[in-house]
Amino acid sequence: MKITDIVEALDLKVISGQGALIKDVTGGYVSDLLSDVIGNAREGSVWITLQTHLNIIAVASLKDIPAIIIVKGAVPEENTIKKSNEENIALLSTEKDTFTVTGQLYDLIKKE
């Protein structure tokens, strides 16, 4: 499944990292704790978080996470947006809460 498929199916807003939209996704991971993501997220996962600071891009880059979904309409910092473009990591946004978007992503990936 491509990130573009997820954006379309979940009605997500693309904030930055448009070049990454063609990347494949193999699963998902949900956490707001960076050390948890570093220790447990798998390469190719979409990361769902409320975090918006620059360090989310560093963690995504370290773990080969192609996309981050920021929930509850939180707005990423400008330097986070800039770095996501530099690292080719899709930064996506939704007004939905974590529970809702996680369930929708799970159902979507499970169908694959």
C-alpha atoms as a PDB file:
ATOM      1  CA  MET A   1       0.000   0.000   0.000  1.00  0.00           C
ATOM      2  CA  LYS A   2       1.277   3.449  -0.883  1.00  0.00           C
ATOM      3  CA  ILE A   3       1.096   6.493   1.382  1.00  0.00           C
ATOM      4  CA  THR A   4      -1.122   8.157  -1.240  1.00  0.00           C
ATOM      5  CA  ASP A   5      -3.671   5.368  -0.734  1.00  0.00           C
ATOM      6  CA  ILE A   6      -3.724   6.067   2.997  1.00  0.00           C
ATOM      7  CA  VAL A   7      -4.013   9.830   2.497  1.00  0.00           C
ATOM      8  CA  GLU A   8      -6.986   9.332   0.209  1.00  0.00           C
ATOM      9  CA  ALA A   9      -8.759   6.651   2.256  1.00  0.00           C
ATOM     10  CA  LEU A  10      -8.364   8.442   5.602  1.00  0.00           C
ATOM     11  CA  ASP A  11      -8.898  11.953   4.197  1.00  0.00           C
ATOM     12  CA  LEU A  12      -5.560  13.201   5.530  1.00  0.00           C
ATOM     13  CA  LYS A  13      -3.980  16.581   4.863  1.00  0.00           C
ATOM     14  CA  VAL A  14      -0.479  16.469   3.381  1.00  0.00           C
ATOM     15  CA  ILE A  15       1.621  19.052   5.209  1.00  0.00           C
ATOM     16  CA  SER A  16       5.025  18.278   3.704  1.00  0.00           C
ATOM     17  CA  GLY A  17       7.216  15.535   2.318  1.00  0.00           C
ATOM     18  CA  GLN A  18       5.144  15.155  -0.847  1.00  0.00           C
ATOM     19  CA  GLY A  19       7.992  13.210  -2.467  1.00  0.00           C
ATOM     20  CA  ALA A  20       7.444  10.389   0.021  1.00  0.00           C
ATOM     21  CA  LEU A  21       3.815   9.820  -0.949  1.00  0.00           C
ATOM     22  CA  ILE A  22       4.814   7.093  -3.410  1.00  0.00           C
ATOM     23  CA  LYS A  23       6.567   5.044  -0.713  1.00  0.00           C
ATOM     24  CA  ASP A  24       5.183   1.711   0.442  1.00  0.00           C
ATOM     25  CA  VAL A  25       3.707   1.178   3.894  1.00  0.00           C
ATOM     26  CA  THR A  26       3.871  -2.169   5.669  1.00  0.00           C
ATOM     27  CA  GLY A  27       2.174  -1.383   8.987  1.00  0.00           C
ATOM     28  CA  GLY A  28       1.632   1.219  11.641  1.00  0.00           C
ATOM     29  CA  TYR A  29       2.850   2.287  15.054  1.00  0.00           C
ATOM     30  CA  VAL A  30       1.190   4.514  17.657  1.00  0.00           C
ATOM     31  CA  SER A  31       3.099   6.308  20.399  1.00  0.00           C
ATOM     32  CA  ASP A  32       3.903   9.758  21.688  1.00  0.00           C
ATOM     33  CA  LEU A  33       7.030   8.538  23.445  1.00  0.00           C
ATOM     34  CA  LEU A  34      10.065   8.870  21.163  1.00  0.00           C
ATOM     35  CA  SER A  35      12.092   6.189  22.938  1.00  0.00           C
ATOM     36  CA  ASP A  36       9.201   3.757  22.495  1.00  0.00           C
ATOM     37  CA  VAL A  37       9.126   4.411  18.760  1.00  0.00           C
ATOM     38  CA  ILE A  38      12.902   3.991  18.529  1.00  0.00           C
ATOM     39  CA  GLY A  39      12.723   0.705  20.394  1.00  0.00           C
ATOM     40  CA  ASN A  40       9.655  -0.824  18.782  1.00  0.00           C
ATOM     41  CA  ALA A  41       8.490   0.710  15.498  1.00  0.00           C
ATOM     42  CA  ARG A  42       9.275  -1.251  12.366  1.00  0.00           C
ATOM     43  CA  GLU A  43      10.686   0.025   9.106  1.00  0.00           C
ATOM     44  CA  GLY A  44       7.935   0.968   6.673  1.00  0.00           C
ATOM     45  CA  SER A  45       5.366   1.764   9.360  1.00  0.00           C
ATOM     46  CA  VAL A  46       3.186   4.845   9.464  1.00  0.00           C
ATOM     47  CA  TRP A  47       3.675   6.536  12.836  1.00  0.00           C
ATOM     48  CA  ILE A  48       0.643   8.104  14.519  1.00  0.00           C
ATOM     49  CA  THR A  49       1.407  10.752  17.159  1.00  0.00           C
ATOM     50  CA  LEU A  50       0.373  14.020  18.755  1.00  0.00           C
ATOM     51  CA  GLN A  51       3.986  15.249  18.776  1.00  0.00           C
ATOM     52  CA  THR A  52       4.877  18.110  16.405  1.00  0.00           C
ATOM     53  CA  HIS A  53       8.492  19.010  17.213  1.00  0.00           C
ATOM     54  CA  LEU A  54      11.624  18.465  15.127  1.00  0.00           C
ATOM     55  CA  ASN A  55      12.643  15.261  16.916  1.00  0.00           C
ATOM     56  CA  ILE A  56       9.798  13.281  15.317  1.00  0.00           C
ATOM     57  CA  ILE A  57      11.558  13.624  11.962  1.00  0.00           C
ATOM     58  CA  ALA A  58      14.855  12.464  13.448  1.00  0.00           C
ATOM     59  CA  VAL A  59      13.184   9.369  14.914  1.00  0.00           C
ATOM     60  CA  ALA A  60      11.299   8.631  11.679  1.00  0.00           C
ATOM     61  CA  SER A  61      14.530   8.937   9.715  1.00  0.00           C
ATOM     62  CA  LEU A  62      16.386   6.663  12.136  1.00  0.00           C
ATOM     63  CA  LYS A  63      13.682   3.973  11.907  1.00  0.00           C
ATOM     64  CA  ASP A  64      12.952   4.324   8.149  1.00  0.00           C
ATOM     65  CA  ILE A  65       9.392   5.430   8.831  1.00  0.00           C
ATOM     66  CA  PRO A  66       8.070   6.966   5.593  1.00  0.00           C
ATOM     67  CA  ALA A  67       5.123   8.905   7.068  1.00  0.00           C
ATOM     68  CA  ILE A  68       3.916  10.493  10.284  1.00  0.00           C
ATOM     69  CA  ILE A  69       0.253  11.233  10.975  1.00  0.00           C
ATOM     70  CA  ILE A  70      -0.251  14.064  13.451  1.00  0.00           C
ATOM     71  CA  VAL A  71      -3.638  13.801  15.164  1.00  0.00           C
ATOM     72  CA  LYS A  72      -6.200  16.181  16.670  1.00  0.00           C
ATOM     73  CA  GLY A  73      -5.347  18.992  14.255  1.00  0.00           C
ATOM     74  CA  ALA A  74      -2.032  19.712  15.951  1.00  0.00           C
ATOM     75  CA  VAL A  75       0.198  21.929  13.829  1.00  0.00           C
ATOM     76  CA  PRO A  76       3.861  20.988  13.370  1.00  0.00           C
ATOM     77  CA  GLU A  77       6.568  23.523  13.988  1.00  0.00           C
ATOM     78  CA  GLU A  78       8.027  25.217  10.898  1.00  0.00           C
ATOM     79  CA  ASN A  79      11.431  23.561  11.361  1.00  0.00           C
ATOM     80  CA  THR A  80       9.677  20.166  11.520  1.00  0.00           C
ATOM     81  CA  ILE A  81       8.022  20.839   8.176  1.00  0.00           C
ATOM     82  CA  LYS A  82      11.297  21.932   6.614  1.00  0.00           C
ATOM     83  CA  LYS A  83      13.148  18.858   7.893  1.00  0.00           C
ATOM     84  CA  SER A  84      10.441  16.470   6.680  1.00  0.00           C
ATOM     85  CA  ASN A  85      10.967  17.817   3.166  1.00  0.00           C
ATOM     86  CA  GLU A  86      14.733  17.431   3.498  1.00  0.00           C
ATOM     87  CA  GLU A  87      14.430  13.846   4.798  1.00  0.00           C
ATOM     88  CA  ASN A  88      11.628  12.894   2.359  1.00  0.00           C
ATOM     89  CA  ILE A  89       9.246  11.868   5.137  1.00  0.00           C
ATOM     90  CA  ALA A  90       5.550  12.558   4.591  1.00  0.00           C
ATOM     91  CA  LEU A  91       4.062  14.682   7.336  1.00  0.00           C
ATOM     92  CA  LEU A  92       0.294  14.199   7.420  1.00  0.00           C
ATOM     93  CA  SER A  93      -2.454  15.680   9.556  1.00  0.00           C
ATOM     94  CA  THR A  94      -5.962  14.850  10.679  1.00  0.00           C
ATOM     95  CA  GLU A  95      -8.537  16.389  12.979  1.00  0.00           C
ATOM     96  CA  LYS A  96      -9.417  12.875  14.188  1.00  0.00           C
ATOM     97  CA  ASP A  97      -8.250  11.586  17.539  1.00  0.00           C
ATOM     98  CA  THR A  98      -5.609   8.871  17.887  1.00  0.00           C
ATOM     99  CA  PHE A  99      -8.092   6.081  18.598  1.00  0.00           C
ATOM    100  CA  THR A 100     -10.173   6.813  15.514  1.00  0.00           C
ATOM    101  CA  VAL A 101      -7.356   7.197  12.993  1.00  0.00           C
ATOM    102  CA  THR A 102      -5.537   4.153  14.374  1.00  0.00           C
ATOM    103  CA  GLY A 103      -8.608   1.980  13.915  1.00  0.00           C
ATOM    104  CA  GLN A 104      -9.138   3.281  10.405  1.00  0.00           C
ATOM    105  CA  LEU A 105      -5.496   2.694   9.458  1.00  0.00           C
ATOM    106  CA  TYR A 106      -5.601  -0.808  10.933  1.00  0.00           C
ATOM    107  CA  ASP A 107      -8.720  -1.693   8.936  1.00  0.00           C
ATOM    108  CA  LEU A 108      -7.194  -0.283   5.762  1.00  0.00           C
ATOM    109  CA  ILE A 109      -3.905  -2.144   6.074  1.00  0.00           C
ATOM    110  CA  LYS A 110      -5.651  -5.366   7.167  1.00  0.00           C
ATOM    111  CA  LYS A 111      -7.588  -5.399   3.869  1.00  0.00           C
ATOM    112  CA  GLU A 112      -4.333  -5.542   1.898  1.00  0.00           C
END
